[in-house]
Amino acid sequence: EGSSIRKGAVDAVLTAVHASGTAVTPTGAVQTLRPLVSMEAIREV
């Protein structure tokens, strides 16, 4: 239904969440699509 849910090892999920907020442009640069998950949420997890 248009949503993506992931479940797994904590470090793997954190890496996936971080990657989901970025994209690679045609020139190879990493572009931020939206704000990354907050550091507070990462520390709490």
PDB file of all heavy atoms in Angstrom:
ATOM      1  N   GLU A   1       0.814  -1.212   0.000  1.00  0.00           N
ATOM      2  CA  GLU A   1       0.000   0.000   0.000  1.00  0.00           C
ATOM      3  C   GLU A   1       0.854   1.272   0.000  1.00  0.00           C
ATOM      4  O   GLU A   1       0.585   2.232   0.725  1.00  0.00           O
ATOM      5  CB  GLU A   1      -0.952   0.007   1.196  1.00  0.00           C
ATOM      6  CG  GLU A   1      -1.986  -1.113   1.147  1.00  0.00           C
ATOM      7  CD  GLU A   1      -2.959  -1.052   2.322  1.00  0.00           C
ATOM      8  OE1 GLU A   1      -2.566  -0.542   3.393  1.00  0.00           O
ATOM      9  OE2 GLU A   1      -4.101  -1.505   2.163  1.00  0.00           O
ATOM     10  N   GLY A   2       1.923   1.233  -0.776  1.00  0.00           N
ATOM     11  CA  GLY A   2       2.765   2.416  -0.902  1.00  0.00           C
ATOM     12  C   GLY A   2       3.718   2.630   0.246  1.00  0.00           C
ATOM     13  O   GLY A   2       4.456   3.621   0.277  1.00  0.00           O
ATOM     14  N   SER A   3       3.719   1.717   1.234  1.00  0.00           N
ATOM     15  CA  SER A   3       4.624   1.840   2.379  1.00  0.00           C
ATOM     16  C   SER A   3       5.693   0.759   2.314  1.00  0.00           C
ATOM     17  O   SER A   3       5.468  -0.337   1.779  1.00  0.00           O
ATOM     18  CB  SER A   3       3.851   1.724   3.695  1.00  0.00           C
ATOM     19  OG  SER A   3       2.986   2.816   3.862  1.00  0.00           O
ATOM     20  N   SER A   4       6.841   1.069   2.894  1.00  0.00           N
ATOM     21  CA  SER A   4       7.956   0.124   2.960  1.00  0.00           C
ATOM     22  C   SER A   4       8.307  -0.107   4.426  1.00  0.00           C
ATOM     23  O   SER A   4       8.653   0.845   5.141  1.00  0.00           O
ATOM     24  CB  SER A   4       9.163   0.688   2.201  1.00  0.00           C
ATOM     25  OG  SER A   4      10.267  -0.183   2.322  1.00  0.00           O
ATOM     26  N   ILE A   5       8.165  -1.383   4.873  1.00  0.00           N
ATOM     27  CA  ILE A   5       8.447  -1.731   6.274  1.00  0.00           C
ATOM     28  C   ILE A   5       9.645  -2.670   6.300  1.00  0.00           C
ATOM     29  O   ILE A   5       9.696  -3.644   5.535  1.00  0.00           O
ATOM     30  CB  ILE A   5       7.233  -2.408   6.940  1.00  0.00           C
ATOM     31  CG1 ILE A   5       6.002  -1.501   6.853  1.00  0.00           C
ATOM     32  CG2 ILE A   5       7.536  -2.750   8.394  1.00  0.00           C
ATOM     33  CD1 ILE A   5       4.713  -2.166   7.328  1.00  0.00           C
ATOM     34  N   ARG A   6      10.605  -2.382   7.163  1.00  0.00           N
ATOM     35  CA  ARG A   6      11.788  -3.225   7.289  1.00  0.00           C
ATOM     36  C   ARG A   6      11.986  -3.626   8.759  1.00  0.00           C
ATOM     37  O   ARG A   6      11.739  -2.821   9.675  1.00  0.00           O
ATOM     38  CB  ARG A   6      13.037  -2.509   6.779  1.00  0.00           C
ATOM     39  CG  ARG A   6      13.005  -2.203   5.290  1.00  0.00           C
ATOM     40  CD  ARG A   6      13.018  -3.482   4.460  1.00  0.00           C
ATOM     41  NE  ARG A   6      13.013  -3.181   3.028  1.00  0.00           N
ATOM     42  CZ  ARG A   6      11.917  -3.088   2.282  1.00  0.00           C
ATOM     43  NH1 ARG A   6      10.707  -3.242   2.849  1.00  0.00           N
ATOM     44  NH2 ARG A   6      12.009  -2.830   0.994  1.00  0.00           N
ATOM     45  N   LYS A   7      12.456  -4.854   8.935  1.00  0.00           N
ATOM     46  CA  LYS A   7      12.673  -5.425  10.275  1.00  0.00           C
ATOM     47  C   LYS A   7      13.971  -6.204  10.232  1.00  0.00           C
ATOM     48  O   LYS A   7      14.208  -6.997   9.307  1.00  0.00           O
ATOM     49  CB  LYS A   7      11.507  -6.363  10.622  1.00  0.00           C
ATOM     50  CG  LYS A   7      11.698  -7.245  11.839  1.00  0.00           C
ATOM     51  CD  LYS A   7      10.693  -8.401  11.832  1.00  0.00           C
ATOM     52  CE  LYS A   7      11.163  -9.486  10.879  1.00  0.00           C
ATOM     53  NZ  LYS A   7      10.280 -10.668  10.861  1.00  0.00           N
ATOM     54  N   GLY A   8      14.849  -5.990  11.231  1.00  0.00           N
ATOM     55  CA  GLY A   8      16.094  -6.740  11.208  1.00  0.00           C
ATOM     56  C   GLY A   8      17.067  -6.267  12.265  1.00  0.00           C
ATOM     57  O   GLY A   8      16.690  -5.587  13.234  1.00  0.00           O
ATOM     58  N   ALA A   9      18.354  -6.633  12.075  1.00  0.00           N
ATOM     59  CA  ALA A   9      19.395  -6.234  13.014  1.00  0.00           C
ATOM     60  C   ALA A   9      19.427  -4.717  13.125  1.00  0.00           C
ATOM     61  O   ALA A   9      19.231  -3.999  12.129  1.00  0.00           O
ATOM     62  CB  ALA A   9      20.746  -6.761  12.554  1.00  0.00           C
ATOM     63  N   VAL A  10      19.674  -4.222  14.324  1.00  0.00           N
ATOM     64  CA  VAL A  10      19.569  -2.787  14.587  1.00  0.00           C
ATOM     65  C   VAL A  10      20.484  -1.988  13.674  1.00  0.00           C
ATOM     66  O   VAL A  10      20.062  -1.009  13.039  1.00  0.00           O
ATOM     67  CB  VAL A  10      19.884  -2.493  16.072  1.00  0.00           C
ATOM     68  CG1 VAL A  10      19.942  -0.984  16.308  1.00  0.00           C
ATOM     69  CG2 VAL A  10      18.825  -3.125  16.963  1.00  0.00           C
ATOM     70  N   ASP A  11      21.749  -2.383  13.566  1.00  0.00           N
ATOM     71  CA  ASP A  11      22.675  -1.609  12.744  1.00  0.00           C
ATOM     72  C   ASP A  11      22.277  -1.653  11.271  1.00  0.00           C
ATOM     73  O   ASP A  11      22.425  -0.667  10.533  1.00  0.00           O
ATOM     74  CB  ASP A  11      24.111  -2.100  12.934  1.00  0.00           C
ATOM     75  CG  ASP A  11      24.273  -3.565  12.589  1.00  0.00           C
ATOM     76  OD1 ASP A  11      23.278  -4.315  12.642  1.00  0.00           O
ATOM     77  OD2 ASP A  11      25.407  -3.988  12.269  1.00  0.00           O
ATOM     78  N   ALA A  12      21.735  -2.815  10.805  1.00  0.00           N
ATOM     79  CA  ALA A  12      21.315  -2.926   9.406  1.00  0.00           C
ATOM     80  C   ALA A  12      20.127  -2.023   9.116  1.00  0.00           C
ATOM     81  O   ALA A  12      20.060  -1.362   8.067  1.00  0.00           O
ATOM     82  CB  ALA A  12      20.968  -4.375   9.084  1.00  0.00           C
ATOM     83  N   VAL A  13      19.162  -1.962  10.022  1.00  0.00           N
ATOM     84  CA  VAL A  13      17.984  -1.113   9.829  1.00  0.00           C
ATOM     85  C   VAL A  13      18.381   0.366   9.869  1.00  0.00           C
ATOM     86  O   VAL A  13      17.892   1.185   9.064  1.00  0.00           O
ATOM     87  CB  VAL A  13      16.906  -1.435  10.876  1.00  0.00           C
ATOM     88  CG1 VAL A  13      15.773  -0.404  10.825  1.00  0.00           C
ATOM     89  CG2 VAL A  13      16.354  -2.820  10.660  1.00  0.00           C
ATOM     90  N   LEU A  14      19.277   0.729  10.792  1.00  0.00           N
ATOM     91  CA  LEU A  14      19.723   2.120  10.866  1.00  0.00           C
ATOM     92  C   LEU A  14      20.422   2.535   9.583  1.00  0.00           C
ATOM     93  O   LEU A  14      20.223   3.652   9.073  1.00  0.00           O
ATOM     94  CB  LEU A  14      20.659   2.312  12.065  1.00  0.00           C
ATOM     95  CG  LEU A  14      20.011   2.219  13.456  1.00  0.00           C
ATOM     96  CD1 LEU A  14      21.060   2.364  14.543  1.00  0.00           C
ATOM     97  CD2 LEU A  14      18.926   3.270  13.617  1.00  0.00           C
ATOM     98  N   THR A  15      21.227   1.626   9.027  1.00  0.00           N
ATOM     99  CA  THR A  15      21.903   1.920   7.765  1.00  0.00           C
ATOM    100  C   THR A  15      20.891   2.095   6.642  1.00  0.00           C
ATOM    101  O   THR A  15      21.000   3.004   5.806  1.00  0.00           O
ATOM    102  CB  THR A  15      22.890   0.798   7.412  1.00  0.00           C
ATOM    103  OG1 THR A  15      23.861   0.683   8.455  1.00  0.00           O
ATOM    104  CG2 THR A  15      23.602   1.070   6.096  1.00  0.00           C
ATOM    105  N   ALA A  16      19.873   1.209   6.624  1.00  0.00           N
ATOM    106  CA  ALA A  16      18.850   1.289   5.575  1.00  0.00           C
ATOM    107  C   ALA A  16      18.033   2.571   5.703  1.00  0.00           C
ATOM    108  O   ALA A  16      17.686   3.203   4.687  1.00  0.00           O
ATOM    109  CB  ALA A  16      17.938   0.071   5.654  1.00  0.00           C
ATOM    110  N   VAL A  17      17.717   2.979   6.920  1.00  0.00           N
ATOM    111  CA  VAL A  17      16.951   4.203   7.138  1.00  0.00           C
ATOM    112  C   VAL A  17      17.743   5.413   6.669  1.00  0.00           C
ATOM    113  O   VAL A  17      17.220   6.331   6.025  1.00  0.00           O
ATOM    114  CB  VAL A  17      16.569   4.344   8.628  1.00  0.00           C
ATOM    115  CG1 VAL A  17      16.051   5.741   8.928  1.00  0.00           C
ATOM    116  CG2 VAL A  17      15.518   3.316   8.995  1.00  0.00           C
ATOM    117  N   HIS A  18      19.035   5.408   6.984  1.00  0.00           N
ATOM    118  CA  HIS A  18      19.890   6.517   6.558  1.00  0.00           C
ATOM    119  C   HIS A  18      19.957   6.579   5.041  1.00  0.00           C
ATOM    120  O   HIS A  18      19.857   7.651   4.424  1.00  0.00           O
ATOM    121  CB  HIS A  18      21.295   6.347   7.142  1.00  0.00           C
ATOM    122  CG  HIS A  18      22.234   7.454   6.777  1.00  0.00           C
ATOM    123  ND1 HIS A  18      22.963   7.462   5.600  1.00  0.00           N
ATOM    124  CD2 HIS A  18      22.545   8.610   7.425  1.00  0.00           C
ATOM    125  CE1 HIS A  18      23.686   8.565   5.543  1.00  0.00           C
ATOM    126  NE2 HIS A  18      23.456   9.279   6.653  1.00  0.00           N
ATOM    127  N   ALA A  19      20.087   5.400   4.382  1.00  0.00           N
ATOM    128  CA  ALA A  19      20.188   5.362   2.924  1.00  0.00           C
ATOM    129  C   ALA A  19      18.895   5.786   2.253  1.00  0.00           C
ATOM    130  O   ALA A  19      18.894   6.335   1.142  1.00  0.00           O
ATOM    131  CB  ALA A  19      20.583   3.961   2.458  1.00  0.00           C
ATOM    132  N   SER A  20      17.762   5.545   2.895  1.00  0.00           N
ATOM    133  CA  SER A  20      16.473   5.869   2.282  1.00  0.00           C
ATOM    134  C   SER A  20      16.248   7.363   2.172  1.00  0.00           C
ATOM    135  O   SER A  20      15.373   7.808   1.438  1.00  0.00           O
ATOM    136  CB  SER A  20      15.329   5.235   3.087  1.00  0.00           C
ATOM    137  OG  SER A  20      15.214   5.870   4.353  1.00  0.00           O
ATOM    138  N   GLY A  21      17.035   8.152   2.886  1.00  0.00           N
ATOM    139  CA  GLY A  21      16.876   9.605   2.833  1.00  0.00           C
ATOM    140  C   GLY A  21      17.802  10.262   1.845  1.00  0.00           C
ATOM    141  O   GLY A  21      17.905  11.489   1.816  1.00  0.00           O
ATOM    142  N   THR A  22      18.509   9.476   1.024  1.00  0.00           N
ATOM    143  CA  THR A  22      19.440  10.038   0.060  1.00  0.00           C
ATOM    144  C   THR A  22      19.246   9.393  -1.295  1.00  0.00           C
ATOM    145  O   THR A  22      18.620   8.341  -1.417  1.00  0.00           O
ATOM    146  CB  THR A  22      20.903   9.814   0.515  1.00  0.00           C
ATOM    147  OG1 THR A  22      21.139   8.402   0.586  1.00  0.00           O
ATOM    148  CG2 THR A  22      21.161  10.441   1.877  1.00  0.00           C
ATOM    149  N   ALA A  23      19.822  10.009  -2.327  1.00  0.00           N
ATOM    150  CA  ALA A  23      19.791   9.453  -3.677  1.00  0.00           C
ATOM    151  C   ALA A  23      21.056   9.873  -4.407  1.00  0.00           C
ATOM    152  O   ALA A  23      21.686  10.881  -4.058  1.00  0.00           O
ATOM    153  CB  ALA A  23      18.552   9.941  -4.429  1.00  0.00           C
ATOM    154  N   VAL A  24      21.432   9.124  -5.433  1.00  0.00           N
ATOM    155  CA  VAL A  24      22.623   9.435  -6.205  1.00  0.00           C
ATOM    156  C   VAL A  24      22.205  10.136  -7.493  1.00  0.00           C
ATOM    157  O   VAL A  24      21.384   9.624  -8.265  1.00  0.00           O
ATOM    158  CB  VAL A  24      23.428   8.153  -6.531  1.00  0.00           C
ATOM    159  CG1 VAL A  24      24.662   8.508  -7.355  1.00  0.00           C
ATOM    160  CG2 VAL A  24      23.813   7.442  -5.250  1.00  0.00           C
ATOM    161  N   THR A  25      22.750  11.315  -7.732  1.00  0.00           N
ATOM    162  CA  THR A  25      22.418  12.094  -8.927  1.00  0.00           C
ATOM    163  C   THR A  25      23.165  11.534 -10.122  1.00  0.00           C
ATOM    164  O   THR A  25      24.107  10.756  -9.966  1.00  0.00           O
ATOM    165  CB  THR A  25      22.802  13.569  -8.724  1.00  0.00           C
ATOM    166  OG1 THR A  25      24.227  13.641  -8.633  1.00  0.00           O
ATOM    167  CG2 THR A  25      22.173  14.140  -7.463  1.00  0.00           C
ATOM    168  N   PRO A  26      22.775  11.903 -11.361  1.00  0.00           N
ATOM    169  CA  PRO A  26      23.472  11.422 -12.563  1.00  0.00           C
ATOM    170  C   PRO A  26      24.960  11.727 -12.552  1.00  0.00           C
ATOM    171  O   PRO A  26      25.751  11.020 -13.163  1.00  0.00           O
ATOM    172  CB  PRO A  26      22.749  12.154 -13.694  1.00  0.00           C
ATOM    173  CG  PRO A  26      21.372  12.398 -13.159  1.00  0.00           C
ATOM    174  CD  PRO A  26      21.570  12.688 -11.702  1.00  0.00           C
ATOM    175  N   THR A  27      25.357  12.792 -11.828  1.00  0.00           N
ATOM    176  CA  THR A  27      26.791  13.122 -11.783  1.00  0.00           C
ATOM    177  C   THR A  27      27.547  12.323 -10.730  1.00  0.00           C
ATOM    178  O   THR A  27      28.757  12.441 -10.598  1.00  0.00           O
ATOM    179  CB  THR A  27      26.970  14.618 -11.476  1.00  0.00           C
ATOM    180  OG1 THR A  27      26.411  14.898 -10.193  1.00  0.00           O
ATOM    181  CG2 THR A  27      26.318  15.463 -12.558  1.00  0.00           C
ATOM    182  N   GLY A  28      26.799  11.510  -9.922  1.00  0.00           N
ATOM    183  CA  GLY A  28      27.446  10.690  -8.899  1.00  0.00           C
ATOM    184  C   GLY A  28      27.427  11.294  -7.523  1.00  0.00           C
ATOM    185  O   GLY A  28      27.891  10.679  -6.565  1.00  0.00           O
ATOM    186  N   ALA A  29      26.877  12.496  -7.399  1.00  0.00           N
ATOM    187  CA  ALA A  29      26.819  13.134  -6.089  1.00  0.00           C
ATOM    188  C   ALA A  29      25.651  12.598  -5.286  1.00  0.00           C
ATOM    189  O   ALA A  29      24.619  12.204  -5.832  1.00  0.00           O
ATOM    190  CB  ALA A  29      26.677  14.648  -6.255  1.00  0.00           C
ATOM    191  N   VAL A  30      25.821  12.571  -3.947  1.00  0.00           N
ATOM    192  CA  VAL A  30      24.758  12.125  -3.056  1.00  0.00           C
ATOM    193  C   VAL A  30      23.885  13.324  -2.721  1.00  0.00           C
ATOM    194  O   VAL A  30      24.375  14.341  -2.211  1.00  0.00           O
ATOM    195  CB  VAL A  30      25.333  11.493  -1.777  1.00  0.00           C
ATOM    196  CG1 VAL A  30      24.194  11.125  -0.832  1.00  0.00           C
ATOM    197  CG2 VAL A  30      26.175  10.292  -2.111  1.00  0.00           C
ATOM    198  N   GLN A  31      22.582  13.201  -2.999  1.00  0.00           N
ATOM    199  CA  GLN A  31      21.636  14.295  -2.772  1.00  0.00           C
ATOM    200  C   GLN A  31      20.653  13.897  -1.672  1.00  0.00           C
ATOM    201  O   GLN A  31      20.107  12.801  -1.668  1.00  0.00           O
ATOM    202  CB  GLN A  31      20.865  14.598  -4.061  1.00  0.00           C
ATOM    203  CG  GLN A  31      19.787  15.657  -3.886  1.00  0.00           C
ATOM    204  CD  GLN A  31      18.972  15.826  -5.156  1.00  0.00           C
ATOM    205  OE1 GLN A  31      19.227  15.159  -6.158  1.00  0.00           O
ATOM    206  NE2 GLN A  31      17.991  16.711  -5.112  1.00  0.00           N
ATOM    207  N   THR A  32      20.466  14.780  -0.683  1.00  0.00           N
ATOM    208  CA  THR A  32      19.509  14.530   0.387  1.00  0.00           C
ATOM    209  C   THR A  32      18.107  14.822  -0.118  1.00  0.00           C
ATOM    210  O   THR A  32      17.822  15.940  -0.574  1.00  0.00           O
ATOM    211  CB  THR A  32      19.813  15.408   1.615  1.00  0.00           C
ATOM    212  OG1 THR A  32      21.122  15.116   2.072  1.00  0.00           O
ATOM    213  CG2 THR A  32      18.792  15.155   2.716  1.00  0.00           C
ATOM    214  N   LEU A  33      17.239  13.785  -0.033  1.00  0.00           N
ATOM    215  CA  LEU A  33      15.874  13.934  -0.525  1.00  0.00           C
ATOM    216  C   LEU A  33      14.960  14.507   0.541  1.00  0.00           C
ATOM    217  O   LEU A  33      13.989  15.190   0.233  1.00  0.00           O
ATOM    218  CB  LEU A  33      15.339  12.586  -0.999  1.00  0.00           C
ATOM    219  CG  LEU A  33      16.154  11.909  -2.120  1.00  0.00           C
ATOM    220  CD1 LEU A  33      15.521  10.576  -2.479  1.00  0.00           C
ATOM    221  CD2 LEU A  33      16.214  12.809  -3.358  1.00  0.00           C
ATOM    222  N   ARG A  34      15.229  14.159   1.777  1.00  0.00           N
ATOM    223  CA  ARG A  34      14.422  14.670   2.875  1.00  0.00           C
ATOM    224  C   ARG A  34      15.284  14.610   4.136  1.00  0.00           C
ATOM    225  O   ARG A  34      16.318  13.930   4.161  1.00  0.00           O
ATOM    226  CB  ARG A  34      13.151  13.831   3.057  1.00  0.00           C
ATOM    227  CG  ARG A  34      13.366  12.374   3.385  1.00  0.00           C
ATOM    228  CD  ARG A  34      12.005  11.702   3.631  1.00  0.00           C
ATOM    229  NE  ARG A  34      12.177  10.305   3.974  1.00  0.00           N
ATOM    230  CZ  ARG A  34      12.234   9.319   3.071  1.00  0.00           C
ATOM    231  NH1 ARG A  34      12.154   9.600   1.788  1.00  0.00           N
ATOM    232  NH2 ARG A  34      12.383   8.065   3.457  1.00  0.00           N
ATOM    233  N   PRO A  35      14.872  15.210   5.198  1.00  0.00           N
ATOM    234  CA  PRO A  35      15.701  15.202   6.402  1.00  0.00           C
ATOM    235  C   PRO A  35      15.962  13.775   6.891  1.00  0.00           C
ATOM    236  O   PRO A  35      15.076  12.919   6.840  1.00  0.00           O
ATOM    237  CB  PRO A  35      14.862  15.993   7.409  1.00  0.00           C
ATOM    238  CG  PRO A  35      13.966  16.843   6.571  1.00  0.00           C
ATOM    239  CD  PRO A  35      13.678  16.033   5.341  1.00  0.00           C
ATOM    240  N   LEU A  36      17.166  13.512   7.311  1.00  0.00           N
ATOM    241  CA  LEU A  36      17.499  12.198   7.855  1.00  0.00           C
ATOM    242  C   LEU A  36      16.763  11.991   9.170  1.00  0.00           C
ATOM    243  O   LEU A  36      16.321  12.951   9.810  1.00  0.00           O
ATOM    244  CB  LEU A  36      19.009  12.094   8.083  1.00  0.00           C
ATOM    245  CG  LEU A  36      19.894  12.245   6.837  1.00  0.00           C
ATOM    246  CD1 LEU A  36      21.351  12.209   7.224  1.00  0.00           C
ATOM    247  CD2 LEU A  36      19.593  11.146   5.840  1.00  0.00           C
ATOM    248  N   VAL A  37      16.647  10.710   9.571  1.00  0.00           N
ATOM    249  CA  VAL A  37      16.024  10.405  10.852  1.00  0.00           C
ATOM    250  C   VAL A  37      16.816  11.095  11.956  1.00  0.00           C
ATOM    251  O   VAL A  37      18.047  11.208  11.892  1.00  0.00           O
ATOM    252  CB  VAL A  37      15.977   8.874  11.074  1.00  0.00           C
ATOM    253  CG1 VAL A  37      17.361   8.302  11.177  1.00  0.00           C
ATOM    254  CG2 VAL A  37      15.171   8.542  12.319  1.00  0.00           C
ATOM    255  N   SER A  38      16.126  11.551  12.957  1.00  0.00           N
ATOM    256  CA  SER A  38      16.788  12.344  13.985  1.00  0.00           C
ATOM    257  C   SER A  38      17.776  11.512  14.784  1.00  0.00           C
ATOM    258  O   SER A  38      17.586  10.312  14.995  1.00  0.00           O
ATOM    259  CB  SER A  38      15.740  12.940  14.935  1.00  0.00           C
ATOM    260  OG  SER A  38      15.159  11.921  15.732  1.00  0.00           O
ATOM    261  N   MET A  39      18.836  12.169  15.224  1.00  0.00           N
ATOM    262  CA  MET A  39      19.832  11.494  16.058  1.00  0.00           C
ATOM    263  C   MET A  39      19.214  11.043  17.377  1.00  0.00           C
ATOM    264  O   MET A  39      19.622  10.037  17.953  1.00  0.00           O
ATOM    265  CB  MET A  39      21.007  12.431  16.320  1.00  0.00           C
ATOM    266  CG  MET A  39      21.866  12.696  15.093  1.00  0.00           C
ATOM    267  SD  MET A  39      22.533  11.151  14.381  1.00  0.00           S
ATOM    268  CE  MET A  39      23.524  10.564  15.750  1.00  0.00           C
ATOM    269  N   GLU A  40      18.213  11.788  17.849  1.00  0.00           N
ATOM    270  CA  GLU A  40      17.546  11.404  19.098  1.00  0.00           C
ATOM    271  C   GLU A  40      16.863  10.045  18.960  1.00  0.00           C
ATOM    272  O   GLU A  40      16.946   9.197  19.854  1.00  0.00           O
ATOM    273  CB  GLU A  40      16.524  12.476  19.477  1.00  0.00           C
ATOM    274  CG  GLU A  40      15.816  12.176  20.799  1.00  0.00           C
ATOM    275  CD  GLU A  40      14.769  13.230  21.141  1.00  0.00           C
ATOM    276  OE1 GLU A  40      14.685  14.253  20.433  1.00  0.00           O
ATOM    277  OE2 GLU A  40      14.024  12.997  22.118  1.00  0.00           O
ATOM    278  N   ALA A  41      16.211   9.819  17.804  1.00  0.00           N
ATOM    279  CA  ALA A  41      15.548   8.538  17.565  1.00  0.00           C
ATOM    280  C   ALA A  41      16.567   7.409  17.455  1.00  0.00           C
ATOM    281  O   ALA A  41      16.353   6.302  17.967  1.00  0.00           O
ATOM    282  CB  ALA A  41      14.699   8.621  16.298  1.00  0.00           C
ATOM    283  N   ILE A  42      17.691   7.702  16.796  1.00  0.00           N
ATOM    284  CA  ILE A  42      18.738   6.679  16.664  1.00  0.00           C
ATOM    285  C   ILE A  42      19.289   6.304  18.030  1.00  0.00           C
ATOM    286  O   ILE A  42      19.456   5.119  18.359  1.00  0.00           O
ATOM    287  CB  ILE A  42      19.865   7.194  15.743  1.00  0.00           C
ATOM    288  CG1 ILE A  42      19.350   7.326  14.302  1.00  0.00           C
ATOM    289  CG2 ILE A  42      21.077   6.258  15.796  1.00  0.00           C
ATOM    290  CD1 ILE A  42      20.358   7.949  13.357  1.00  0.00           C
ATOM    291  N   ARG A  43      19.587   7.343  18.856  1.00  0.00           N
ATOM    292  CA  ARG A  43      20.122   7.067  20.196  1.00  0.00           C
ATOM    293  C   ARG A  43      19.119   6.295  21.043  1.00  0.00           C
ATOM    294  O   ARG A  43      19.488   5.406  21.815  1.00  0.00           O
ATOM    295  CB  ARG A  43      20.511   8.380  20.879  1.00  0.00           C
ATOM    296  CG  ARG A  43      21.807   8.975  20.364  1.00  0.00           C
ATOM    297  CD  ARG A  43      22.296  10.069  21.303  1.00  0.00           C
ATOM    298  NE  ARG A  43      21.386  11.212  21.310  1.00  0.00           N
ATOM    299  CZ  ARG A  43      21.500  12.287  20.525  1.00  0.00           C
ATOM    300  NH1 ARG A  43      22.504  12.346  19.652  1.00  0.00           N
ATOM    301  NH2 ARG A  43      20.643  13.288  20.612  1.00  0.00           N
ATOM    302  N   GLU A  44      17.835   6.611  20.897  1.00  0.00           N
ATOM    303  CA  GLU A  44      16.816   5.912  21.687  1.00  0.00           C
ATOM    304  C   GLU A  44      16.721   4.445  21.282  1.00  0.00           C
ATOM    305  O   GLU A  44      16.639   3.563  22.138  1.00  0.00           O
ATOM    306  CB  GLU A  44      15.462   6.603  21.519  1.00  0.00           C
ATOM    307  CG  GLU A  44      14.413   6.054  22.478  1.00  0.00           C
ATOM    308  CD  GLU A  44      13.086   6.811  22.400  1.00  0.00           C
ATOM    309  OE1 GLU A  44      12.992   7.813  21.666  1.00  0.00           O
ATOM    310  OE2 GLU A  44      12.134   6.375  23.086  1.00  0.00           O
ATOM    311  N   VAL A  45      16.763   4.171  19.965  1.00  0.00           N
ATOM    312  CA  VAL A  45      16.724   2.787  19.487  1.00  0.00           C
ATOM    313  C   VAL A  45      17.952   2.021  19.974  1.00  0.00           C
ATOM    314  O   VAL A  45      17.857   0.872  20.438  1.00  0.00           O
ATOM    315  CB  VAL A  45      16.632   2.745  17.949  1.00  0.00           C
ATOM    316  CG1 VAL A  45      16.960   1.347  17.428  1.00  0.00           C
ATOM    317  CG2 VAL A  45      15.238   3.148  17.495  1.00  0.00           C
TER     318      VAL A  45
END
